[in-house]
């Protein structure tokens, strides 16, 4: 199955998003009664997120996009840190008179 793409962000599958929310609840110890988001009179609690994802509601689809975007940003940040580390390593080698290969 080809991954959906929204605004250049490859969307995680519904199952991956549900697994992510379960990780928040089970491993990270997020309170299911805690408020995930609120807008006006509408409140979405962490306990409601899996149902939104399963039913593919607009809130569930927005959550899928947010999880996908977050993963993409984390990957981009990791790549940038690795590149910076490589530059620093090269500079340290040059500074110590070992030359750059």
PDB file of N, CA and C in Angstrom:
ATOM      1  N   UNK A   1       0.842  -1.190   0.000  1.00  0.00           N
ATOM      2  CA  UNK A   1       0.000   0.000   0.000  1.00  0.00           C
ATOM      3  C   UNK A   1       0.882   1.245   0.000  1.00  0.00           C
ATOM      4  N   UNK A   2       0.633   2.160  -0.908  1.00  0.00           N
ATOM      5  CA  UNK A   2       1.403   3.392  -0.984  1.00  0.00           C
ATOM      6  C   UNK A   2       0.997   4.319   0.151  1.00  0.00           C
ATOM      7  N   UNK A   3       1.981   4.989   0.711  1.00  0.00           N
ATOM      8  CA  UNK A   3       1.712   5.932   1.795  1.00  0.00           C
ATOM      9  C   UNK A   3       1.040   7.171   1.234  1.00  0.00           C
ATOM     10  N   UNK A   4       0.051   7.659   1.962  1.00  0.00           N
ATOM     11  CA  UNK A   4      -0.587   8.918   1.590  1.00  0.00           C
ATOM     12  C   UNK A   4       0.396  10.044   1.876  1.00  0.00           C
ATOM     13  N   UNK A   5       0.304  11.097   1.077  1.00  0.00           N
ATOM     14  CA  UNK A   5       1.145  12.270   1.303  1.00  0.00           C
ATOM     15  C   UNK A   5       0.239  13.489   1.386  1.00  0.00           C
ATOM     16  N   UNK A   6       0.443  14.298   2.404  1.00  0.00           N
ATOM     17  CA  UNK A   6      -0.342  15.509   2.594  1.00  0.00           C
ATOM     18  C   UNK A   6       0.631  16.648   2.835  1.00  0.00           C
ATOM     19  N   UNK A   7       0.627  17.630   1.957  1.00  0.00           N
ATOM     20  CA  UNK A   7       1.540  18.777   2.077  1.00  0.00           C
ATOM     21  C   UNK A   7       2.990  18.318   2.213  1.00  0.00           C
ATOM     22  N   UNK A   8       3.402  17.392   1.370  1.00  0.00           N
ATOM     23  CA  UNK A   8       4.765  16.848   1.352  1.00  0.00           C
ATOM     24  C   UNK A   8       5.131  16.076   2.612  1.00  0.00           C
ATOM     25  N   UNK A   9       4.142  15.681   3.399  1.00  0.00           N
ATOM     26  CA  UNK A   9       4.384  14.884   4.599  1.00  0.00           C
ATOM     27  C   UNK A   9       3.776  13.504   4.369  1.00  0.00           C
ATOM     28  N   UNK A  10       4.609  12.446   4.297  1.00  0.00           N
ATOM     29  CA  UNK A  10       4.047  11.101   4.152  1.00  0.00           C
ATOM     30  C   UNK A  10       3.302  10.717   5.427  1.00  0.00           C
ATOM     31  N   UNK A  11       2.008  10.420   5.286  1.00  0.00           N
ATOM     32  CA  UNK A  11       1.185  10.125   6.460  1.00  0.00           C
ATOM     33  C   UNK A  11       1.448   8.724   6.987  1.00  0.00           C
ATOM     34  N   UNK A  12       1.519   8.616   8.316  1.00  0.00           N
ATOM     35  CA  UNK A  12       1.595   7.302   8.934  1.00  0.00           C
ATOM     36  C   UNK A  12       0.244   6.625   8.726  1.00  0.00           C
ATOM     37  N   UNK A  13       0.245   5.316   8.787  1.00  0.00           N
ATOM     38  CA  UNK A  13      -1.017   4.591   8.643  1.00  0.00           C
ATOM     39  C   UNK A  13      -1.867   4.794   9.895  1.00  0.00           C
ATOM     40  N   UNK A  14      -3.121   4.466   9.767  1.00  0.00           N
ATOM     41  CA  UNK A  14      -4.029   4.561  10.909  1.00  0.00           C
ATOM     42  C   UNK A  14      -3.510   3.674  12.041  1.00  0.00           C
ATOM     43  N   UNK A  15      -3.026   2.495  11.690  1.00  0.00           N
ATOM     44  CA  UNK A  15      -2.520   1.553  12.694  1.00  0.00           C
ATOM     45  C   UNK A  15      -1.276   2.105  13.403  1.00  0.00           C
ATOM     46  N   UNK A  16      -0.383   2.756  12.632  1.00  0.00           N
ATOM     47  CA  UNK A  16       0.813   3.352  13.238  1.00  0.00           C
ATOM     48  C   UNK A  16       0.432   4.488  14.190  1.00  0.00           C
ATOM     49  N   UNK A  17      -0.552   5.278  13.799  1.00  0.00           N
ATOM     50  CA  UNK A  17      -0.992   6.390  14.649  1.00  0.00           C
ATOM     51  C   UNK A  17      -1.620   5.857  15.939  1.00  0.00           C
ATOM     52  N   UNK A  18      -2.424   4.796  15.823  1.00  0.00           N
ATOM     53  CA  UNK A  18      -3.036   4.188  17.014  1.00  0.00           C
ATOM     54  C   UNK A  18      -1.948   3.645  17.930  1.00  0.00           C
ATOM     55  N   UNK A  19      -0.939   2.994  17.353  1.00  0.00           N
ATOM     56  CA  UNK A  19       0.168   2.466  18.155  1.00  0.00           C
ATOM     57  C   UNK A  19       0.904   3.598  18.874  1.00  0.00           C
ATOM     58  N   UNK A  20       1.064   4.723  18.205  1.00  0.00           N
ATOM     59  CA  UNK A  20       1.730   5.882  18.818  1.00  0.00           C
ATOM     60  C   UNK A  20       0.929   6.398  20.010  1.00  0.00           C
ATOM     61  N   UNK A  21      -0.383   6.518  19.852  1.00  0.00           N
ATOM     62  CA  UNK A  21      -1.229   6.992  20.957  1.00  0.00           C
ATOM     63  C   UNK A  21      -1.184   5.993  22.113  1.00  0.00           C
ATOM     64  N   UNK A  22      -1.221   4.707  21.797  1.00  0.00           N
ATOM     65  CA  UNK A  22      -1.130   3.690  22.860  1.00  0.00           C
ATOM     66  C   UNK A  22       0.199   3.799  23.603  1.00  0.00           C
ATOM     67  N   UNK A  23       1.271   4.111  22.867  1.00  0.00           N
ATOM     68  CA  UNK A  23       2.574   4.293  23.506  1.00  0.00           C
ATOM     69  C   UNK A  23       2.523   5.473  24.475  1.00  0.00           C
ATOM     70  N   UNK A  24       1.885   6.563  24.046  1.00  0.00           N
ATOM     71  CA  UNK A  24       1.746   7.720  24.936  1.00  0.00           C
ATOM     72  C   UNK A  24       1.041   7.316  26.224  1.00  0.00           C
ATOM     73  N   UNK A  25      -0.043   6.558  26.076  1.00  0.00           N
ATOM     74  CA  UNK A  25      -0.863   6.191  27.228  1.00  0.00           C
ATOM     75  C   UNK A  25      -0.185   5.142  28.099  1.00  0.00           C
ATOM     76  N   UNK A  26       0.389   4.107  27.478  1.00  0.00           N
ATOM     77  CA  UNK A  26       0.935   2.987  28.237  1.00  0.00           C
ATOM     78  C   UNK A  26       2.363   3.219  28.710  1.00  0.00           C
ATOM     79  N   UNK A  27       3.240   3.566  27.808  1.00  0.00           N
ATOM     80  CA  UNK A  27       4.650   3.682  28.161  1.00  0.00           C
ATOM     81  C   UNK A  27       5.014   5.039  28.754  1.00  0.00           C
ATOM     82  N   UNK A  28       4.453   6.082  28.179  1.00  0.00           N
ATOM     83  CA  UNK A  28       4.786   7.424  28.654  1.00  0.00           C
ATOM     84  C   UNK A  28       3.934   7.849  29.847  1.00  0.00           C
ATOM     85  N   UNK A  29       2.910   7.078  30.154  1.00  0.00           N
ATOM     86  CA  UNK A  29       2.085   7.349  31.321  1.00  0.00           C
ATOM     87  C   UNK A  29       1.212   8.584  31.225  1.00  0.00           C
ATOM     88  N   UNK A  30       0.818   8.940  30.010  1.00  0.00           N
ATOM     89  CA  UNK A  30      -0.070  10.097  29.840  1.00  0.00           C
ATOM     90  C   UNK A  30      -1.435   9.763  30.442  1.00  0.00           C
ATOM     91  N   UNK A  31      -1.982  10.691  31.186  1.00  0.00           N
ATOM     92  CA  UNK A  31      -3.293  10.509  31.822  1.00  0.00           C
ATOM     93  C   UNK A  31      -4.382  10.482  30.753  1.00  0.00           C
ATOM     94  N   UNK A  32      -5.133   9.378  30.630  1.00  0.00           N
ATOM     95  CA  UNK A  32      -6.196   9.297  29.620  1.00  0.00           C
ATOM     96  C   UNK A  32      -7.265  10.376  29.778  1.00  0.00           C
ATOM     97  N   UNK A  33      -7.438  10.873  30.997  1.00  0.00           N
ATOM     98  CA  UNK A  33      -8.435  11.917  31.242  1.00  0.00           C
ATOM     99  C   UNK A  33      -7.892  13.314  30.934  1.00  0.00           C
ATOM    100  N   UNK A  34      -6.611  13.394  30.666  1.00  0.00           N
ATOM    101  CA  UNK A  34      -5.999  14.680  30.348  1.00  0.00           C
ATOM    102  C   UNK A  34      -6.536  15.231  29.035  1.00  0.00           C
ATOM    103  N   UNK A  35      -6.546  16.533  28.923  1.00  0.00           N
ATOM    104  CA  UNK A  35      -7.049  17.197  27.721  1.00  0.00           C
ATOM    105  C   UNK A  35      -5.940  17.239  26.684  1.00  0.00           C
ATOM    106  N   UNK A  36      -6.202  16.653  25.527  1.00  0.00           N
ATOM    107  CA  UNK A  36      -5.258  16.684  24.418  1.00  0.00           C
ATOM    108  C   UNK A  36      -5.353  18.029  23.710  1.00  0.00           C
ATOM    109  N   UNK A  37      -6.580  18.467  23.441  1.00  0.00           N
ATOM    110  CA  UNK A  37      -6.801  19.766  22.818  1.00  0.00           C
ATOM    111  C   UNK A  37      -8.193  20.261  23.178  1.00  0.00           C
ATOM    112  N   UNK A  38      -8.348  21.555  23.146  1.00  0.00           N
ATOM    113  CA  UNK A  38      -9.644  22.169  23.401  1.00  0.00           C
ATOM    114  C   UNK A  38      -9.776  23.393  22.518  1.00  0.00           C
ATOM    115  N   UNK A  39     -10.966  23.537  21.962  1.00  0.00           N
ATOM    116  CA  UNK A  39     -11.248  24.694  21.124  1.00  0.00           C
ATOM    117  C   UNK A  39     -12.709  25.054  21.319  1.00  0.00           C
ATOM    118  N   UNK A  40     -12.938  26.214  21.890  1.00  0.00           N
ATOM    119  CA  UNK A  40     -14.309  26.611  22.166  1.00  0.00           C
ATOM    120  C   UNK A  40     -14.941  25.635  23.148  1.00  0.00           C
ATOM    121  N   UNK A  41     -16.077  25.070  22.762  1.00  0.00           N
ATOM    122  CA  UNK A  41     -16.771  24.111  23.625  1.00  0.00           C
ATOM    123  C   UNK A  41     -16.283  22.680  23.423  1.00  0.00           C
ATOM    124  N   UNK A  42     -15.484  22.452  22.414  1.00  0.00           N
ATOM    125  CA  UNK A  42     -15.039  21.094  22.097  1.00  0.00           C
ATOM    126  C   UNK A  42     -13.755  20.753  22.859  1.00  0.00           C
ATOM    127  N   UNK A  43     -13.790  19.602  23.521  1.00  0.00           N
ATOM    128  CA  UNK A  43     -12.625  19.095  24.250  1.00  0.00           C
ATOM    129  C   UNK A  43     -12.344  17.686  23.757  1.00  0.00           C
ATOM    130  N   UNK A  44     -11.089  17.419  23.453  1.00  0.00           N
ATOM    131  CA  UNK A  44     -10.680  16.077  23.064  1.00  0.00           C
ATOM    132  C   UNK A  44      -9.689  15.598  24.113  1.00  0.00           C
ATOM    133  N   UNK A  45     -10.045  14.509  24.765  1.00  0.00           N
ATOM    134  CA  UNK A  45      -9.179  13.918  25.791  1.00  0.00           C
ATOM    135  C   UNK A  45      -8.334  12.818  25.162  1.00  0.00           C
ATOM    136  N   UNK A  46      -7.215  12.515  25.807  1.00  0.00           N
ATOM    137  CA  UNK A  46      -6.336  11.470  25.291  1.00  0.00           C
ATOM    138  C   UNK A  46      -7.092  10.152  25.091  1.00  0.00           C
ATOM    139  N   UNK A  47      -8.020   9.828  25.986  1.00  0.00           N
ATOM    140  CA  UNK A  47      -8.766   8.563  25.881  1.00  0.00           C
ATOM    141  C   UNK A  47      -9.607   8.501  24.601  1.00  0.00           C
ATOM    142  N   UNK A  48      -9.923   9.663  24.012  1.00  0.00           N
ATOM    143  CA  UNK A  48     -10.762   9.720  22.812  1.00  0.00           C
ATOM    144  C   UNK A  48      -9.967   9.579  21.513  1.00  0.00           C
ATOM    145  N   UNK A  49      -8.663   9.691  21.590  1.00  0.00           N
ATOM    146  CA  UNK A  49      -7.859   9.758  20.370  1.00  0.00           C
ATOM    147  C   UNK A  49      -7.935   8.489  19.531  1.00  0.00           C
ATOM    148  N   UNK A  50      -7.886   7.328  20.160  1.00  0.00           N
ATOM    149  CA  UNK A  50      -7.915   6.077  19.402  1.00  0.00           C
ATOM    150  C   UNK A  50      -9.234   5.947  18.649  1.00  0.00           C
ATOM    151  N   UNK A  51     -10.337   6.299  19.298  1.00  0.00           N
ATOM    152  CA  UNK A  51     -11.640   6.236  18.616  1.00  0.00           C
ATOM    153  C   UNK A  51     -11.669   7.180  17.417  1.00  0.00           C
ATOM    154  N   UNK A  52     -11.108   8.376  17.571  1.00  0.00           N
ATOM    155  CA  UNK A  52     -11.055   9.324  16.444  1.00  0.00           C
ATOM    156  C   UNK A  52     -10.246   8.741  15.289  1.00  0.00           C
ATOM    157  N   UNK A  53      -9.141   8.088  15.612  1.00  0.00           N
ATOM    158  CA  UNK A  53      -8.313   7.481  14.563  1.00  0.00           C
ATOM    159  C   UNK A  53      -9.030   6.310  13.907  1.00  0.00           C
ATOM    160  N   UNK A  54      -9.636   5.454  14.703  1.00  0.00           N
ATOM    161  CA  UNK A  54     -10.333   4.278  14.160  1.00  0.00           C
ATOM    162  C   UNK A  54     -11.493   4.677  13.249  1.00  0.00           C
ATOM    163  N   UNK A  55     -12.210   5.731  13.637  1.00  0.00           N
ATOM    164  CA  UNK A  55     -13.379   6.171  12.875  1.00  0.00           C
ATOM    165  C   UNK A  55     -13.021   7.150  11.766  1.00  0.00           C
ATOM    166  N   UNK A  56     -11.739   7.498  11.681  1.00  0.00           N
ATOM    167  CA  UNK A  56     -11.247   8.424  10.669  1.00  0.00           C
ATOM    168  C   UNK A  56     -12.034   9.736  10.639  1.00  0.00           C
ATOM    169  N   UNK A  57     -12.270  10.277  11.837  1.00  0.00           N
ATOM    170  CA  UNK A  57     -12.951  11.563  11.956  1.00  0.00           C
ATOM    171  C   UNK A  57     -12.000  12.667  11.507  1.00  0.00           C
ATOM    172  N   UNK A  58     -12.512  13.873  11.278  1.00  0.00           N
ATOM    173  CA  UNK A  58     -11.611  14.987  10.941  1.00  0.00           C
ATOM    174  C   UNK A  58     -10.523  15.190  12.011  1.00  0.00           C
ATOM    175  N   UNK A  59     -10.894  15.056  13.292  1.00  0.00           N
ATOM    176  CA  UNK A  59      -9.891  15.182  14.358  1.00  0.00           C
ATOM    177  C   UNK A  59      -8.872  14.048  14.278  1.00  0.00           C
ATOM    178  N   UNK A  60      -9.326  12.851  13.945  1.00  0.00           N
ATOM    179  CA  UNK A  60      -8.423  11.712  13.805  1.00  0.00           C
ATOM    180  C   UNK A  60      -7.464  11.907  12.646  1.00  0.00           C
ATOM    181  N   UNK A  61      -7.970  12.428  11.540  1.00  0.00           N
ATOM    182  CA  UNK A  61      -7.103  12.684  10.387  1.00  0.00           C
ATOM    183  C   UNK A  61      -6.097  13.790  10.673  1.00  0.00           C
ATOM    184  N   UNK A  62      -6.518  14.802  11.413  1.00  0.00           N
ATOM    185  CA  UNK A  62      -5.604  15.869  11.812  1.00  0.00           C
ATOM    186  C   UNK A  62      -4.521  15.319  12.745  1.00  0.00           C
ATOM    187  N   UNK A  63      -4.906  14.445  13.649  1.00  0.00           N
ATOM    188  CA  UNK A  63      -3.949  13.816  14.557  1.00  0.00           C
ATOM    189  C   UNK A  63      -2.944  12.971  13.772  1.00  0.00           C
ATOM    190  N   UNK A  64      -3.427  12.225  12.789  1.00  0.00           N
ATOM    191  CA  UNK A  64      -2.529  11.423  11.942  1.00  0.00           C
ATOM    192  C   UNK A  64      -1.501  12.314  11.250  1.00  0.00           C
ATOM    193  N   UNK A  65      -1.961  13.449  10.747  1.00  0.00           N
ATOM    194  CA  UNK A  65      -1.053  14.395  10.105  1.00  0.00           C
ATOM    195  C   UNK A  65      -0.042  14.941  11.114  1.00  0.00           C
ATOM    196  N   UNK A  66      -0.514  15.283  12.320  1.00  0.00           N
ATOM    197  CA  UNK A  66       0.378  15.845  13.345  1.00  0.00           C
ATOM    198  C   UNK A  66       1.451  14.828  13.752  1.00  0.00           C
ATOM    199  N   UNK A  67       1.066  13.571  13.923  1.00  0.00           N
ATOM    200  CA  UNK A  67       2.037  12.525  14.267  1.00  0.00           C
ATOM    201  C   UNK A  67       3.045  12.374  13.131  1.00  0.00           C
ATOM    202  N   UNK A  68       2.546  12.367  11.903  1.00  0.00           N
ATOM    203  CA  UNK A  68       3.415  12.225  10.730  1.00  0.00           C
ATOM    204  C   UNK A  68       4.391  13.389  10.637  1.00  0.00           C
ATOM    205  N   UNK A  69       3.895  14.589  10.823  1.00  0.00           N
ATOM    206  CA  UNK A  69       4.731  15.790  10.746  1.00  0.00           C
ATOM    207  C   UNK A  69       5.772  15.781  11.854  1.00  0.00           C
ATOM    208  N   UNK A  70       5.349  15.364  13.043  1.00  0.00           N
ATOM    209  CA  UNK A  70       6.284  15.282  14.162  1.00  0.00           C
ATOM    210  C   UNK A  70       7.414  14.311  13.893  1.00  0.00           C
ATOM    211  N   UNK A  71       7.094  13.174  13.310  1.00  0.00           N
ATOM    212  CA  UNK A  71       8.133  12.195  12.978  1.00  0.00           C
ATOM    213  C   UNK A  71       9.082  12.747  11.924  1.00  0.00           C
ATOM    214  N   UNK A  72       8.518  13.444  10.938  1.00  0.00           N
ATOM    215  CA  UNK A  72       9.351  14.009   9.884  1.00  0.00           C
ATOM    216  C   UNK A  72      10.299  15.069  10.459  1.00  0.00           C
ATOM    217  N   UNK A  73       9.776  15.908  11.335  1.00  0.00           N
ATOM    218  CA  UNK A  73      10.605  16.948  11.955  1.00  0.00           C
ATOM    219  C   UNK A  73      11.698  16.322  12.817  1.00  0.00           C
ATOM    220  N   UNK A  74      11.372  15.250  13.524  1.00  0.00           N
ATOM    221  CA  UNK A  74      12.360  14.572  14.359  1.00  0.00           C
ATOM    222  C   UNK A  74      13.480  14.002  13.489  1.00  0.00           C
ATOM    223  N   UNK A  75      13.115  13.415  12.360  1.00  0.00           N
ATOM    224  CA  UNK A  75      14.104  12.865  11.433  1.00  0.00           C
ATOM    225  C   UNK A  75      14.979  13.980  10.866  1.00  0.00           C
ATOM    226  N   UNK A  76      14.354  15.087  10.461  1.00  0.00           N
ATOM    227  CA  UNK A  76      15.116  16.224   9.922  1.00  0.00           C
ATOM    228  C   UNK A  76      16.084  16.787  10.971  1.00  0.00           C
ATOM    229  N   UNK A  77      15.622  16.897  12.207  1.00  0.00           N
ATOM    230  CA  UNK A  77      16.455  17.419  13.291  1.00  0.00           C
ATOM    231  C   UNK A  77      17.637  16.483  13.549  1.00  0.00           C
ATOM    232  N   UNK A  78      17.382  15.167  13.517  1.00  0.00           N
ATOM    233  CA  UNK A  78      18.445  14.194  13.728  1.00  0.00           C
ATOM    234  C   UNK A  78      19.499  14.296  12.623  1.00  0.00           C
ATOM    235  N   UNK A  79      19.053  14.450  11.380  1.00  0.00           N
ATOM    236  CA  UNK A  79      19.993  14.595  10.263  1.00  0.00           C
ATOM    237  C   UNK A  79      20.839  15.859  10.416  1.00  0.00           C
ATOM    238  N   UNK A  80      20.207  16.937  10.820  1.00  0.00           N
ATOM    239  CA  UNK A  80      20.936  18.192  11.001  1.00  0.00           C
ATOM    240  C   UNK A  80      21.964  18.059  12.119  1.00  0.00           C
ATOM    241  N   UNK A  81      21.603  17.392  13.198  1.00  0.00           N
ATOM    242  CA  UNK A  81      22.546  17.189  14.298  1.00  0.00           C
ATOM    243  C   UNK A  81      23.722  16.323  13.855  1.00  0.00           C
ATOM    244  N   UNK A  82      23.443  15.286  13.068  1.00  0.00           N
ATOM    245  CA  UNK A  82      24.516  14.429  12.575  1.00  0.00           C
ATOM    246  C   UNK A  82      25.457  15.215  11.657  1.00  0.00           C
ATOM    247  N   UNK A  83      24.902  16.044  10.803  1.00  0.00           N
ATOM    248  CA  UNK A  83      25.733  16.858   9.912  1.00  0.00           C
ATOM    249  C   UNK A  83      26.592  17.822  10.719  1.00  0.00           C
ATOM    250  N   UNK A  84      26.015  18.429  11.731  1.00  0.00           N
ATOM    251  CA  UNK A  84      26.768  19.340  12.591  1.00  0.00           C
ATOM    252  C   UNK A  84      27.882  18.596  13.310  1.00  0.00           C
ATOM    253  N   UNK A  85      27.592  17.402  13.793  1.00  0.00           N
ATOM    254  CA  UNK A  85      28.605  16.605  14.462  1.00  0.00           C
ATOM    255  C   UNK A  85      29.763  16.280  13.517  1.00  0.00           C
ATOM    256  N   UNK A  86      29.442  15.960  12.260  1.00  0.00           N
ATOM    257  CA  UNK A  86      30.484  15.657  11.282  1.00  0.00           C
ATOM    258  C   UNK A  86      31.358  16.885  11.021  1.00  0.00           C
ATOM    259  N   UNK A  87      30.743  18.052  10.935  1.00  0.00           N
ATOM    260  CA  UNK A  87      31.506  19.294  10.729  1.00  0.00           C
ATOM    261  C   UNK A  87      32.417  19.542  11.921  1.00  0.00           C
ATOM    262  N   UNK A  88      31.873  19.378  13.129  1.00  0.00           N
ATOM    263  CA  UNK A  88      32.686  19.578  14.332  1.00  0.00           C
ATOM    264  C   UNK A  88      33.847  18.591  14.373  1.00  0.00           C
ATOM    265  N   UNK A  89      33.594  17.338  14.024  1.00  0.00           N
ATOM    266  CA  UNK A  89      34.651  16.322  14.029  1.00  0.00           C
ATOM    267  C   UNK A  89      35.747  16.684  13.046  1.00  0.00           C
ATOM    268  N   UNK A  90      35.377  17.119  11.859  1.00  0.00           N
ATOM    269  CA  UNK A  90      36.367  17.530  10.858  1.00  0.00           C
ATOM    270  C   UNK A  90      37.183  18.718  11.350  1.00  0.00           C
ATOM    271  N   UNK A  91      36.507  19.673  11.984  1.00  0.00           N
ATOM    272  CA  UNK A  91      37.206  20.849  12.505  1.00  0.00           C
ATOM    273  C   UNK A  91      38.177  20.464  13.618  1.00  0.00           C
ATOM    274  N   UNK A  92      37.768  19.546  14.480  1.00  0.00           N
ATOM    275  CA  UNK A  92      38.653  19.085  15.555  1.00  0.00           C
ATOM    276  C   UNK A  92      39.872  18.373  14.980  1.00  0.00           C
ATOM    277  N   UNK A  93      39.671  17.553  13.974  1.00  0.00           N
ATOM    278  CA  UNK A  93      40.789  16.852  13.331  1.00  0.00           C
ATOM    279  C   UNK A  93      41.739  17.872  12.719  1.00  0.00           C
ATOM    280  N   UNK A  94      41.208  18.849  12.016  1.00  0.00           N
ATOM    281  CA  UNK A  94      42.044  19.878  11.374  1.00  0.00           C
ATOM    282  C   UNK A  94      42.784  20.695  12.435  1.00  0.00           C
ATOM    283  N   UNK A  95      42.103  21.014  13.526  1.00  0.00           N
ATOM    284  CA  UNK A  95      42.691  21.820  14.589  1.00  0.00           C
ATOM    285  C   UNK A  95      43.845  21.063  15.281  1.00  0.00           C
ATOM    286  N   UNK A  96      43.725  19.767  15.345  1.00  0.00           N
ATOM    287  CA  UNK A  96      44.749  18.964  15.994  1.00  0.00           C
ATOM    288  C   UNK A  96      45.899  18.605  15.044  1.00  0.00           C
ATOM    289  N   UNK A  97      45.871  19.179  13.830  1.00  0.00           N
ATOM    290  CA  UNK A  97      46.955  18.982  12.886  1.00  0.00           C
ATOM    291  C   UNK A  97      46.951  17.638  12.189  1.00  0.00           C
ATOM    292  N   UNK A  98      45.816  16.936  12.236  1.00  0.00           N
ATOM    293  CA  UNK A  98      45.753  15.637  11.598  1.00  0.00           C
ATOM    294  C   UNK A  98      45.268  15.719  10.170  1.00  0.00           C
ATOM    295  N   UNK A  99      44.850  16.886   9.742  1.00  0.00           N
ATOM    296  CA  UNK A  99      44.369  17.064   8.370  1.00  0.00           C
ATOM    297  C   UNK A  99      42.978  16.490   8.202  1.00  0.00           C
ATOM    298  N   UNK A 100      42.364  16.854   7.094  1.00  0.00           N
ATOM    299  CA  UNK A 100      41.008  16.373   6.771  1.00  0.00           C
ATOM    300  C   UNK A 100      41.143  15.407   5.628  1.00  0.00           C
ATOM    301  N   UNK A 101      40.539  14.240   5.800  1.00  0.00           N
ATOM    302  CA  UNK A 101      40.609  13.249   4.722  1.00  0.00           C
ATOM    303  C   UNK A 101      39.393  13.302   3.845  1.00  0.00           C
TER     304      UNK A 101
END
